[in-house]
Amino acid sequence: MAPRTADLLTVPEVMASLKLGRSTVYNLIRSRRLVSITIGRARRIPADAVRDFITREIQETT
């Protein structure tokens, strides 16, 4: 099954979802802790990547 565009989030959507600032989200992307793709000049984060990030963060704290 092909991914839906709704499965791709913008940086502001990720900021709102994680309640983080823009620079923090970009730092997570830059450090490869949060997977993202670039389409033209637009940065998109797969929704699965956000869920995976949250899961990894929870596992690291337990």
Protein backbone atom coordinates (compact mmCIF):
# COMPACT_ATOMS: atom_id res chain seq x y z
CA MET A 1 0.00 0.00 0.00
CA ALA A 2 1.37 3.43 -0.96
CA PRO A 3 1.90 6.01 1.78
CA ARG A 4 -0.64 8.83 1.97
CA THR A 5 0.42 12.46 1.98
CA ALA A 6 -1.44 12.81 5.29
CA ASP A 7 1.27 10.53 6.69
CA LEU A 8 3.80 13.32 6.09
CA LEU A 9 3.94 16.12 8.65
CA THR A 10 5.34 19.61 8.36
CA VAL A 11 7.84 20.93 10.90
CA PRO A 12 5.14 23.14 12.51
CA GLU A 13 2.86 20.10 12.84
CA VAL A 14 5.65 18.16 14.56
CA MET A 15 6.38 21.16 16.77
CA ALA A 16 2.74 21.21 17.89
CA SER A 17 2.57 17.44 18.30
CA LEU A 18 5.71 17.21 20.44
CA LYS A 19 5.26 20.64 22.04
CA LEU A 20 8.79 21.61 21.03
CA GLY A 21 10.30 24.68 19.42
CA ARG A 22 11.38 24.94 15.79
CA SER A 23 15.10 24.84 16.55
CA THR A 24 14.69 21.72 18.72
CA VAL A 25 12.83 19.90 15.94
CA TYR A 26 15.51 20.87 13.41
CA ASN A 27 18.22 19.76 15.86
CA LEU A 28 16.51 16.36 16.16
CA ILE A 29 16.43 16.12 12.36
CA ARG A 30 20.05 17.23 12.02
CA SER A 31 21.20 14.70 14.62
CA ARG A 32 19.18 12.00 12.82
CA ARG A 33 17.11 11.25 15.91
CA LEU A 34 14.05 12.24 13.90
CA VAL A 35 13.81 10.97 10.32
CA SER A 36 12.76 13.44 7.64
CA ILE A 37 12.67 13.75 3.88
CA THR A 38 13.01 16.73 1.58
CA ILE A 39 10.64 17.20 -1.33
CA GLY A 40 11.86 20.13 -3.38
CA ARG A 41 12.47 22.77 -0.74
CA ALA A 42 9.94 21.34 1.71
CA ARG A 43 10.95 19.29 4.74
CA ARG A 44 8.49 16.56 5.71
CA ILE A 45 8.53 14.15 8.62
CA PRO A 46 6.74 10.80 8.28
CA ALA A 47 4.16 10.33 11.05
CA ASP A 48 5.71 6.92 11.74
CA ALA A 49 9.05 8.65 12.41
CA VAL A 50 7.44 10.78 15.12
CA ARG A 51 5.88 7.70 16.72
CA ASP A 52 9.23 5.85 16.51
CA PHE A 53 11.00 8.82 18.10
CA ILE A 54 8.54 8.89 21.00
CA THR A 55 8.87 5.13 21.50
CA ARG A 56 12.69 5.32 21.53
CA GLU A 57 12.65 8.21 24.00
CA ILE A 58 10.33 6.27 26.32
CA GLN A 59 12.51 3.14 26.10
CA GLU A 60 15.67 5.15 26.88
CA THR A 61 14.15 6.53 30.07
CA THR A 62 13.00 3.18 31.40
